[in-house]
PDB file of N, CA and C in Angstrom:
ATOM      1  N   MET A   1      65.592  85.712 130.068  1.00  0.00           N
ATOM      2  CA  MET A   1      66.120  86.979 130.711  1.00  0.00           C
ATOM      3  C   MET A   1      65.270  87.439 131.977  1.00  0.00           C
ATOM      4  N   THR A   2      64.621  86.934 132.290  1.00  0.00           N
ATOM      5  CA  THR A   2      63.794  87.023 133.593  1.00  0.00           C
ATOM      6  C   THR A   2      64.548  86.553 134.518  1.00  0.00           C
ATOM      7  N   ASP A   3      65.684  86.092 134.378  1.00  0.00           N
ATOM      8  CA  ASP A   3      66.818  85.924 135.597  1.00  0.00           C
ATOM      9  C   ASP A   3      67.513  86.839 135.615  1.00  0.00           C
ATOM     10  N   GLN A   4      67.598  87.638 134.932  1.00  0.00           N
ATOM     11  CA  GLN A   4      68.337  89.103 134.874  1.00  0.00           C
ATOM     12  C   GLN A   4      67.778  89.953 135.830  1.00  0.00           C
ATOM     13  N   ILE A   5      66.323  90.395 136.037  1.00  0.00           N
ATOM     14  CA  ILE A   5      65.529  90.736 136.846  1.00  0.00           C
ATOM     15  C   ILE A   5      66.023  90.121 138.298  1.00  0.00           C
ATOM     16  N   ASP A   6      66.194  89.227 138.808  1.00  0.00           N
ATOM     17  CA  ASP A   6      66.679  88.647 140.109  1.00  0.00           C
ATOM     18  C   ASP A   6      67.917  88.866 140.294  1.00  0.00           C
ATOM     19  N   GLN A   7      68.917  88.610 139.378  1.00  0.00           N
ATOM     20  CA  GLN A   7      70.267  88.915 139.456  1.00  0.00           C
ATOM     21  C   GLN A   7      70.712  90.171 139.993  1.00  0.00           C
ATOM     22  N   ASN A   8      69.826  91.130 139.190  1.00  0.00           N
ATOM     23  CA  ASN A   8      70.315  92.485 139.745  1.00  0.00           C
ATOM     24  C   ASN A   8      69.612  93.309 140.772  1.00  0.00           C
ATOM     25  N   ALA A   9      68.571  92.574 141.375  1.00  0.00           N
ATOM     26  CA  ALA A   9      67.924  92.889 142.346  1.00  0.00           C
ATOM     27  C   ALA A   9      68.613  92.641 143.669  1.00  0.00           C
ATOM     28  N   ASP A  10      68.639  93.696 144.547  1.00  0.00           N
ATOM     29  CA  ASP A  10      68.799  93.667 145.596  1.00  0.00           C
ATOM     30  C   ASP A  10      67.718  92.966 146.850  1.00  0.00           C
ATOM     31  N   SER A  11      68.396  91.927 147.602  1.00  0.00           N
ATOM     32  CA  SER A  11      67.411  90.934 148.338  1.00  0.00           C
ATOM     33  C   SER A  11      66.632  91.799 149.573  1.00  0.00           C
ATOM     34  N   GLY A  12      67.652  93.198 149.991  1.00  0.00           N
ATOM     35  CA  GLY A  12      67.205  93.767 151.299  1.00  0.00           C
ATOM     36  C   GLY A  12      66.322  94.810 150.996  1.00  0.00           C
ATOM     37  N   LEU A  13      65.418  94.861 149.949  1.00  0.00           N
ATOM     38  CA  LEU A  13      64.515  95.892 149.655  1.00  0.00           C
ATOM     39  C   LEU A  13      63.059  95.487 150.046  1.00  0.00           C
ATOM     40  N   SER A  14      62.392  96.424 149.989  1.00  0.00           N
ATOM     41  CA  SER A  14      60.855  96.386 150.207  1.00  0.00           C
ATOM     42  C   SER A  14      59.912  95.456 149.968  1.00  0.00           C
ATOM     43  N   SER A  15      58.712  95.080 150.192  1.00  0.00           N
ATOM     44  CA  SER A  15      57.902  94.407 149.498  1.00  0.00           C
ATOM     45  C   SER A  15      57.342  94.851 148.400  1.00  0.00           C
ATOM     46  N   ASP A  16      57.540  96.133 148.208  1.00  0.00           N
ATOM     47  CA  ASP A  16      56.941  96.868 147.222  1.00  0.00           C
ATOM     48  C   ASP A  16      57.879  96.566 146.194  1.00  0.00           C
ATOM     49  N   TRP A  17      59.295  96.484 146.257  1.00  0.00           N
ATOM     50  CA  TRP A  17      60.023  96.154 145.021  1.00  0.00           C
ATOM     51  C   TRP A  17      59.767  94.846 144.444  1.00  0.00           C
ATOM     52  N   GLU A  18      59.569  93.728 145.455  1.00  0.00           N
ATOM     53  CA  GLU A  18      59.135  92.713 145.311  1.00  0.00           C
ATOM     54  C   GLU A  18      57.766  92.517 144.458  1.00  0.00           C
ATOM     55  N   GLU A  19      56.691  92.912 144.798  1.00  0.00           N
ATOM     56  CA  GLU A  19      55.652  93.495 144.104  1.00  0.00           C
ATOM     57  C   GLU A  19      55.619  93.769 142.628  1.00  0.00           C
ATOM     58  N   LEU A  20      56.682  94.893 142.260  1.00  0.00           N
ATOM     59  CA  LEU A  20      56.787  95.230 141.471  1.00  0.00           C
ATOM     60  C   LEU A  20      57.642  94.454 140.421  1.00  0.00           C
ATOM     61  N   LYS A  21      58.468  93.710 140.854  1.00  0.00           N
ATOM     62  CA  LYS A  21      59.368  92.592 140.062  1.00  0.00           C
ATOM     63  C   LYS A  21      58.153  91.299 139.731  1.00  0.00           C
ATOM     64  N   THR A  22      57.336  91.193 140.569  1.00  0.00           N
ATOM     65  CA  THR A  22      56.619  90.252 140.355  1.00  0.00           C
ATOM     66  C   THR A  22      55.646  90.823 139.305  1.00  0.00           C
ATOM     67  N   GLU A  23      55.115  91.875 139.168  1.00  0.00           N
ATOM     68  CA  GLU A  23      54.271  92.729 138.000  1.00  0.00           C
ATOM     69  C   GLU A  23      55.147  92.510 136.730  1.00  0.00           C
ATOM     70  N   LEU A  24      56.400  92.538 136.714  1.00  0.00           N
ATOM     71  CA  LEU A  24      57.474  92.578 135.455  1.00  0.00           C
ATOM     72  C   LEU A  24      57.236  91.586 134.946  1.00  0.00           C
ATOM     73  N   ARG A  25      57.604  90.189 135.748  1.00  0.00           N
ATOM     74  CA  ARG A  25      57.788  88.963 135.602  1.00  0.00           C
ATOM     75  C   ARG A  25      56.361  88.581 134.709  1.00  0.00           C
ATOM     76  N   LEU A  26      55.247  88.707 135.578  1.00  0.00           N
ATOM     77  CA  LEU A  26      54.179  88.588 134.713  1.00  0.00           C
ATOM     78  C   LEU A  26      53.811  88.830 133.619  1.00  0.00           C
ATOM     79  N   ALA A  27      53.990  90.001 133.118  1.00  0.00           N
ATOM     80  CA  ALA A  27      53.936  90.917 132.096  1.00  0.00           C
ATOM     81  C   ALA A  27      55.452  90.484 130.845  1.00  0.00           C
ATOM     82  N   TRP A  28      56.144  89.865 131.045  1.00  0.00           N
ATOM     83  CA  TRP A  28      57.453  89.836 130.730  1.00  0.00           C
ATOM     84  C   TRP A  28      56.989  88.716 129.085  1.00  0.00           C
ATOM     85  N   ASP A  29      57.487  89.345 128.075  1.00  0.00           N
ATOM     86  CA  ASP A  29      57.483  88.590 126.926  1.00  0.00           C
ATOM     87  C   ASP A  29      58.663  87.735 126.606  1.00  0.00           C
ATOM     88  N   SER A  30      58.925  86.389 126.880  1.00  0.00           N
ATOM     89  CA  SER A  30      60.107  85.604 126.984  1.00  0.00           C
ATOM     90  C   SER A  30      60.524  85.874 125.602  1.00  0.00           C
ATOM     91  N   GLY A  31      59.763  85.665 124.450  1.00  0.00           N
ATOM     92  CA  GLY A  31      59.986  85.995 123.140  1.00  0.00           C
ATOM     93  C   GLY A  31      60.648  87.130 122.690  1.00  0.00           C
ATOM     94  N   ASP A  32      60.430  88.223 123.462  1.00  0.00           N
ATOM     95  CA  ASP A  32      60.831  89.436 122.996  1.00  0.00           C
ATOM     96  C   ASP A  32      61.207  90.331 124.420  1.00  0.00           C
ATOM     97  N   ALA A  33      62.495  89.762 124.827  1.00  0.00           N
ATOM     98  CA  ALA A  33      63.002  90.693 126.140  1.00  0.00           C
ATOM     99  C   ALA A  33      63.150  91.875 125.642  1.00  0.00           C
ATOM    100  N   PHE A  34      63.709  92.436 124.498  1.00  0.00           N
ATOM    101  CA  PHE A  34      64.058  93.640 123.914  1.00  0.00           C
ATOM    102  C   PHE A  34      62.901  94.521 124.297  1.00  0.00           C
ATOM    103  N   GLY A  35      61.629  94.243 123.866  1.00  0.00           N
ATOM    104  CA  GLY A  35      60.609  94.993 123.664  1.00  0.00           C
ATOM    105  C   GLY A  35      59.755  95.073 124.986  1.00  0.00           C
ATOM    106  N   SER A  36      59.627  93.739 125.787  1.00  0.00           N
ATOM    107  CA  SER A  36      59.256  93.856 127.250  1.00  0.00           C
ATOM    108  C   SER A  36      60.094  95.202 127.992  1.00  0.00           C
ATOM    109  N   ALA A  37      61.314  94.685 127.894  1.00  0.00           N
ATOM    110  CA  ALA A  37      62.417  95.825 128.792  1.00  0.00           C
ATOM    111  C   ALA A  37      62.091  97.184 128.362  1.00  0.00           C
ATOM    112  N   PHE A  38      62.146  97.303 126.782  1.00  0.00           N
ATOM    113  CA  PHE A  38      62.004  98.619 126.461  1.00  0.00           C
ATOM    114  C   PHE A  38      60.666  99.190 126.729  1.00  0.00           C
ATOM    115  N   ALA A  39      59.478  98.686 126.751  1.00  0.00           N
ATOM    116  CA  ALA A  39      58.068  99.218 127.144  1.00  0.00           C
ATOM    117  C   ALA A  39      58.269  99.572 128.257  1.00  0.00           C
ATOM    118  N   TRP A  40      58.720  98.733 129.455  1.00  0.00           N
ATOM    119  CA  TRP A  40      58.842  98.766 130.878  1.00  0.00           C
ATOM    120  C   TRP A  40      59.420 100.463 131.061  1.00  0.00           C
ATOM    121  N   TRP A  41      61.218 100.171 130.383  1.00  0.00           N
ATOM    122  CA  TRP A  41      61.552 101.457 130.844  1.00  0.00           C
ATOM    123  C   TRP A  41      60.929 102.756 130.180  1.00  0.00           C
ATOM    124  N   PHE A  42      60.328 102.613 128.724  1.00  0.00           N
ATOM    125  CA  PHE A  42      59.935 103.981 128.362  1.00  0.00           C
ATOM    126  C   PHE A  42      58.441 104.452 129.506  1.00  0.00           C
ATOM    127  N   SER A  43      57.816 103.436 129.949  1.00  0.00           N
ATOM    128  CA  SER A  43      56.773 103.904 130.843  1.00  0.00           C
ATOM    129  C   SER A  43      57.477 104.341 132.434  1.00  0.00           C
ATOM    130  N   CYS A  44      58.559 103.726 132.850  1.00  0.00           N
ATOM    131  CA  CYS A  44      58.914 104.398 133.869  1.00  0.00           C
ATOM    132  C   CYS A  44      59.881 105.896 133.703  1.00  0.00           C
ATOM    133  N   ALA A  45      60.154 106.191 132.296  1.00  0.00           N
ATOM    134  CA  ALA A  45      60.728 107.527 132.184  1.00  0.00           C
ATOM    135  C   ALA A  45      59.565 108.245 131.845  1.00  0.00           C
ATOM    136  N   GLU A  46      58.552 107.973 131.114  1.00  0.00           N
ATOM    137  CA  GLU A  46      57.377 108.846 131.369  1.00  0.00           C
ATOM    138  C   GLU A  46      56.553 109.311 132.296  1.00  0.00           C
ATOM    139  N   ILE A  47      56.308 108.257 133.341  1.00  0.00           N
ATOM    140  CA  ILE A  47      55.566 108.563 134.888  1.00  0.00           C
ATOM    141  C   ILE A  47      56.284 109.632 135.447  1.00  0.00           C
ATOM    142  N   LEU A  48      58.220 109.236 135.248  1.00  0.00           N
ATOM    143  CA  LEU A  48      58.879 110.276 135.989  1.00  0.00           C
ATOM    144  C   LEU A  48      59.047 111.650 135.614  1.00  0.00           C
ATOM    145  N   HIS A  49      58.914 111.566 134.615  1.00  0.00           N
ATOM    146  CA  HIS A  49      58.984 112.844 133.483  1.00  0.00           C
ATOM    147  C   HIS A  49      57.983 113.403 133.714  1.00  0.00           C
ATOM    148  N   PHE A  50      56.901 113.252 133.465  1.00  0.00           N
ATOM    149  CA  PHE A  50      55.266 113.905 133.319  1.00  0.00           C
ATOM    150  C   PHE A  50      54.786 113.683 134.884  1.00  0.00           C
ATOM    151  N   GLU A  51      54.874 113.044 135.533  1.00  0.00           N
ATOM    152  CA  GLU A  51      54.169 113.199 137.115  1.00  0.00           C
ATOM    153  C   GLU A  51      55.036 113.124 137.853  1.00  0.00           C
ATOM    154  N   ARG A  52      56.299 113.152 138.075  1.00  0.00           N
ATOM    155  CA  ARG A  52      57.212 113.038 139.224  1.00  0.00           C
ATOM    156  C   ARG A  52      58.294 114.226 138.806  1.00  0.00           C
ATOM    157  N   ASP A  53      59.053 114.065 139.774  1.00  0.00           N
ATOM    158  CA  ASP A  53      60.283 114.784 139.664  1.00  0.00           C
ATOM    159  C   ASP A  53      61.508 114.482 138.543  1.00  0.00           C
ATOM    160  N   GLY A  54      61.119 113.984 137.808  1.00  0.00           N
ATOM    161  CA  GLY A  54      61.913 113.478 136.346  1.00  0.00           C
ATOM    162  C   GLY A  54      62.819 112.544 136.507  1.00  0.00           C
ATOM    163  N   GLU A  55      63.322 111.874 135.289  1.00  0.00           N
ATOM    164  CA  GLU A  55      63.846 110.807 135.021  1.00  0.00           C
ATOM    165  C   GLU A  55      65.539 111.311 135.010  1.00  0.00           C
ATOM    166  N   PRO A  56      66.390 110.071 135.420  1.00  0.00           N
ATOM    167  CA  PRO A  56      67.472 110.235 135.169  1.00  0.00           C
ATOM    168  C   PRO A  56      68.242 110.821 133.954  1.00  0.00           C
ATOM    169  N   ASP A  57      69.065 111.522 134.044  1.00  0.00           N
ATOM    170  CA  ASP A  57      69.698 112.225 132.921  1.00  0.00           C
ATOM    171  C   ASP A  57      70.207 110.949 131.983  1.00  0.00           C
ATOM    172  N   SER A  58      70.959 109.759 132.616  1.00  0.00           N
ATOM    173  CA  SER A  58      71.380 108.823 132.111  1.00  0.00           C
ATOM    174  C   SER A  58      70.775 107.975 131.155  1.00  0.00           C
ATOM    175  N   TRP A  59      69.481 108.183 131.206  1.00  0.00           N
ATOM    176  CA  TRP A  59      68.155 107.480 130.469  1.00  0.00           C
ATOM    177  C   TRP A  59      68.252 108.130 128.757  1.00  0.00           C
ATOM    178  N   CYS A  60      68.507 109.459 128.675  1.00  0.00           N
ATOM    179  CA  CYS A  60      68.493 110.099 127.725  1.00  0.00           C
ATOM    180  C   CYS A  60      67.238 110.284 126.787  1.00  0.00           C
ATOM    181  N   TYR A  61      65.979 110.032 127.860  1.00  0.00           N
ATOM    182  CA  TYR A  61      64.798 110.039 127.298  1.00  0.00           C
ATOM    183  C   TYR A  61      64.491 111.805 126.878  1.00  0.00           C
ATOM    184  N   SER A  62      63.664 111.710 125.923  1.00  0.00           N
ATOM    185  CA  SER A  62      63.045 112.856 125.204  1.00  0.00           C
ATOM    186  C   SER A  62      61.784 112.446 125.019  1.00  0.00           C
ATOM    187  N   PRO A  63      60.726 113.070 125.613  1.00  0.00           N
ATOM    188  CA  PRO A  63      59.202 113.296 125.279  1.00  0.00           C
ATOM    189  C   PRO A  63      58.967 113.249 123.568  1.00  0.00           C
ATOM    190  N   GLY A  64      57.825 112.772 123.238  1.00  0.00           N
ATOM    191  CA  GLY A  64      57.381 112.749 121.814  1.00  0.00           C
ATOM    192  C   GLY A  64      57.383 114.158 121.399  1.00  0.00           C
ATOM    193  N   ALA A  65      57.058 114.419 120.146  1.00  0.00           N
ATOM    194  CA  ALA A  65      56.661 115.739 119.856  1.00  0.00           C
ATOM    195  C   ALA A  65      55.290 116.347 120.479  1.00  0.00           C
ATOM    196  N   ALA A  66      54.429 115.722 120.668  1.00  0.00           N
ATOM    197  CA  ALA A  66      53.350 116.210 121.580  1.00  0.00           C
ATOM    198  C   ALA A  66      53.645 116.368 123.053  1.00  0.00           C
ATOM    199  N   GLN A  67      54.671 116.134 123.731  1.00  0.00           N
ATOM    200  CA  GLN A  67      55.070 117.086 124.665  1.00  0.00           C
ATOM    201  C   GLN A  67      54.272 116.566 126.152  1.00  0.00           C
ATOM    202  N   GLU A  68      53.689 115.822 125.431  1.00  0.00           N
ATOM    203  CA  GLU A  68      52.930 114.721 126.795  1.00  0.00           C
ATOM    204  C   GLU A  68      52.929 113.396 126.754  1.00  0.00           C
ATOM    205  N   PRO A  69      52.433 112.920 127.902  1.00  0.00           N
ATOM    206  CA  PRO A  69      52.750 111.452 127.759  1.00  0.00           C
ATOM    207  C   PRO A  69      51.428 110.409 127.032  1.00  0.00           C
ATOM    208  N   GLU A  70      52.487 109.143 126.684  1.00  0.00           N
ATOM    209  CA  GLU A  70      51.275 108.464 125.556  1.00  0.00           C
ATOM    210  C   GLU A  70      50.176 108.224 126.353  1.00  0.00           C
ATOM    211  N   PRO A  71      49.196 107.657 125.794  1.00  0.00           N
ATOM    212  CA  PRO A  71      48.117 107.141 126.470  1.00  0.00           C
ATOM    213  C   PRO A  71      48.240 106.125 127.181  1.00  0.00           C
ATOM    214  N   ASP A  72      47.431 105.824 128.581  1.00  0.00           N
ATOM    215  CA  ASP A  72      47.355 105.017 129.389  1.00  0.00           C
ATOM    216  C   ASP A  72      47.864 103.402 128.795  1.00  0.00           C
ATOM    217  N   SER A  73      49.077 103.032 129.469  1.00  0.00           N
ATOM    218  CA  SER A  73      49.409 101.622 129.201  1.00  0.00           C
ATOM    219  C   SER A  73      49.146 100.780 130.383  1.00  0.00           C
ATOM    220  N   TYR A  74      49.532  99.644 130.149  1.00  0.00           N
ATOM    221  CA  TYR A  74      49.230  98.658 131.141  1.00  0.00           C
ATOM    222  C   TYR A  74      50.410  98.907 132.029  1.00  0.00           C
ATOM    223  N   GLU A  75      51.580  99.312 131.552  1.00  0.00           N
ATOM    224  CA  GLU A  75      52.880  99.173 132.437  1.00  0.00           C
ATOM    225  C   GLU A  75      52.664 100.596 133.340  1.00  0.00           C
ATOM    226  N   SER A  76      52.121 101.525 132.592  1.00  0.00           N
ATOM    227  CA  SER A  76      52.120 103.165 133.244  1.00  0.00           C
ATOM    228  C   SER A  76      51.024 103.187 134.501  1.00  0.00           C
ATOM    229  N   ASP A  77      49.849 102.242 134.401  1.00  0.00           N
ATOM    230  CA  ASP A  77      48.805 102.037 134.918  1.00  0.00           C
ATOM    231  C   ASP A  77      49.490 101.129 136.499  1.00  0.00           C
ATOM    232  N   ILE A  78      50.267 100.557 136.228  1.00  0.00           N
ATOM    233  CA  ILE A  78      50.989  99.458 137.313  1.00  0.00           C
ATOM    234  C   ILE A  78      52.004 100.561 138.190  1.00  0.00           C
ATOM    235  N   LEU A  79      52.830 101.233 137.393  1.00  0.00           N
ATOM    236  CA  LEU A  79      53.682 101.856 137.915  1.00  0.00           C
ATOM    237  C   LEU A  79      53.323 102.932 138.821  1.00  0.00           C
ATOM    238  N   ARG A  80      52.053 103.729 138.790  1.00  0.00           N
ATOM    239  CA  ARG A  80      51.490 104.805 139.241  1.00  0.00           C
ATOM    240  C   ARG A  80      51.266 104.490 140.722  1.00  0.00           C
ATOM    241  N   GLU A  81      51.449 103.363 140.976  1.00  0.00           N
ATOM    242  CA  GLU A  81      51.073 102.853 142.593  1.00  0.00           C
ATOM    243  C   GLU A  81      52.193 102.724 143.305  1.00  0.00           C
ATOM    244  N   TYR A  82      53.427 103.102 142.799  1.00  0.00           N
ATOM    245  CA  TYR A  82      54.413 103.185 143.411  1.00  0.00           C
ATOM    246  C   TYR A  82      55.606 104.317 143.510  1.00  0.00           C
ATOM    247  N   GLU A  83      56.222 104.219 144.454  1.00  0.00           N
ATOM    248  CA  GLU A  83      57.042 105.479 144.762  1.00  0.00           C
ATOM    249  C   GLU A  83      58.090 105.597 143.750  1.00  0.00           C
ATOM    250  N   SER A  84      58.486 106.872 143.525  1.00  0.00           N
ATOM    251  CA  SER A  84      59.560 107.198 142.460  1.00  0.00           C
ATOM    252  C   SER A  84      60.826 106.675 142.490  1.00  0.00           C
ATOM    253  N   ASP A  85      61.358 106.074 143.784  1.00  0.00           N
ATOM    254  CA  ASP A  85      62.568 105.667 143.857  1.00  0.00           C
ATOM    255  C   ASP A  85      62.379 104.356 143.242  1.00  0.00           C
ATOM    256  N   LEU A  86      61.250 103.341 143.473  1.00  0.00           N
ATOM    257  CA  LEU A  86      61.172 102.182 143.033  1.00  0.00           C
ATOM    258  C   LEU A  86      60.956 102.203 141.233  1.00  0.00           C
ATOM    259  N   ILE A  87      60.333 103.256 140.941  1.00  0.00           N
ATOM    260  CA  ILE A  87      60.284 103.258 139.213  1.00  0.00           C
ATOM    261  C   ILE A  87      61.526 103.713 138.771  1.00  0.00           C
ATOM    262  N   GLU A  88      62.166 104.235 139.388  1.00  0.00           N
ATOM    263  CA  GLU A  88      63.508 104.398 138.895  1.00  0.00           C
ATOM    264  C   GLU A  88      64.189 103.313 138.823  1.00  0.00           C
ATOM    265  N   ARG A  89      64.270 102.677 139.974  1.00  0.00           N
ATOM    266  CA  ARG A  89      65.088 101.168 140.052  1.00  0.00           C
ATOM    267  C   ARG A  89      64.688 100.403 138.950  1.00  0.00           C
ATOM    268  N   LEU A  90      63.498 100.302 138.955  1.00  0.00           N
ATOM    269  CA  LEU A  90      62.953  99.158 137.959  1.00  0.00           C
ATOM    270  C   LEU A  90      63.360  99.827 136.446  1.00  0.00           C
ATOM    271  N   GLY A  91      63.450 101.378 136.182  1.00  0.00           N
ATOM    272  CA  GLY A  91      64.035 101.603 134.864  1.00  0.00           C
ATOM    273  C   GLY A  91      65.492 101.227 134.841  1.00  0.00           C
ATOM    274  N   ASN A  92      66.126 101.396 136.022  1.00  0.00           N
ATOM    275  CA  ASN A  92      67.679 101.156 135.664  1.00  0.00           C
ATOM    276  C   ASN A  92      67.770  99.562 135.579  1.00  0.00           C
ATOM    277  N   LEU A  93      67.111  98.715 135.855  1.00  0.00           N
ATOM    278  CA  LEU A  93      67.028  97.480 135.502  1.00  0.00           C
ATOM    279  C   LEU A  93      66.363  97.097 134.189  1.00  0.00           C
ATOM    280  N   CYS A  94      65.620  97.733 133.447  1.00  0.00           N
ATOM    281  CA  CYS A  94      65.263  97.781 132.144  1.00  0.00           C
ATOM    282  C   CYS A  94      66.137  98.096 131.497  1.00  0.00           C
ATOM    283  N   SER A  95      66.764  99.170 131.635  1.00  0.00           N
ATOM    284  CA  SER A  95      68.019  99.794 130.722  1.00  0.00           C
ATOM    285  C   SER A  95      69.111  99.035 130.642  1.00  0.00           C
ATOM    286  N   ARG A  96      69.232  98.210 131.454  1.00  0.00           N
ATOM    287  CA  ARG A  96      70.638  97.492 131.606  1.00  0.00           C
ATOM    288  C   ARG A  96      70.013  96.122 130.857  1.00  0.00           C
ATOM    289  N   VAL A  97      68.759  95.832 130.716  1.00  0.00           N
ATOM    290  CA  VAL A  97      68.526  94.511 129.861  1.00  0.00           C
ATOM    291  C   VAL A  97      68.369  94.919 128.768  1.00  0.00           C
ATOM    292  N   VAL A  98      67.865  96.274 128.065  1.00  0.00           N
ATOM    293  CA  VAL A  98      67.823  96.551 126.889  1.00  0.00           C
ATOM    294  C   VAL A  98      69.371  96.821 126.316  1.00  0.00           C
ATOM    295  N   ASP A  99      70.505  97.004 127.180  1.00  0.00           N
ATOM    296  CA  ASP A  99      71.628  97.176 126.989  1.00  0.00           C
ATOM    297  C   ASP A  99      72.168  95.914 126.518  1.00  0.00           C
ATOM    298  N   ILE A 100      71.854  94.846 127.369  1.00  0.00           N
ATOM    299  CA  ILE A 100      72.107  93.307 127.279  1.00  0.00           C
ATOM    300  C   ILE A 100      71.626  92.836 125.611  1.00  0.00           C
ATOM    301  N   CYS A 101      70.203  93.010 125.360  1.00  0.00           N
ATOM    302  CA  CYS A 101      69.857  92.726 124.224  1.00  0.00           C
ATOM    303  C   CYS A 101      70.446  93.151 123.098  1.00  0.00           C
ATOM    304  N   LYS A 102      70.964  94.461 122.841  1.00  0.00           N
ATOM    305  CA  LYS A 102      71.821  95.174 122.002  1.00  0.00           C
ATOM    306  C   LYS A 102      72.544  94.575 121.561  1.00  0.00           C
ATOM    307  N   ALA A 103      73.599  94.165 122.825  1.00  0.00           N
ATOM    308  CA  ALA A 103      75.008  93.517 122.864  1.00  0.00           C
ATOM    309  C   ALA A 103      74.856  92.283 122.070  1.00  0.00           C
ATOM    310  N   ARG A 104      73.750  91.563 122.127  1.00  0.00           N
ATOM    311  CA  ARG A 104      73.283  90.033 121.896  1.00  0.00           C
ATOM    312  C   ARG A 104      72.461  90.305 120.342  1.00  0.00           C
ATOM    313  N   GLY A 105      72.150  91.389 119.952  1.00  0.00           N
ATOM    314  CA  GLY A 105      72.071  91.351 118.696  1.00  0.00           C
ATOM    315  C   GLY A 105      70.182  91.164 118.594  1.00  0.00           C
ATOM    316  N   MET A 106      69.839  91.145 120.031  1.00  0.00           N
ATOM    317  CA  MET A 106      68.455  90.844 120.213  1.00  0.00           C
ATOM    318  C   MET A 106      67.512  92.101 120.046  1.00  0.00           C
ATOM    319  N   ASP A 107      67.862  93.712 119.534  1.00  0.00           N
ATOM    320  CA  ASP A 107      66.955  94.573 119.301  1.00  0.00           C
ATOM    321  C   ASP A 107      66.551  94.817 118.083  1.00  0.00           C
ATOM    322  N   TYR A 108      65.722  95.727 117.790  1.00  0.00           N
ATOM    323  CA  TYR A 108      65.467  95.845 116.403  1.00  0.00           C
ATOM    324  C   TYR A 108      65.086  97.429 116.121  1.00  0.00           C
TER     325      TYR A 108
END
């Protein structure tokens, strides 16, 4: 599934995008692609929703009942270092991986 990361990434993007993809690869659980993609996607949504200008409507994100972000996670700590456009780009990539996992019956 990590091949999907490279296949969906534009080669002409900044070194920040390359760094962010490297962070994703390092944390990726190849035995649980759905869980890995979902965790990163959710963190992207939370950062954009609570700390930036908002997440894309297409993500259908809804914060939990507490209406506040989850306690800091590994993913969110990393994401805070990047601009919103890169976080959204990564979230879109993870969203596609989640959809692929669902289509293959790899979700839970």
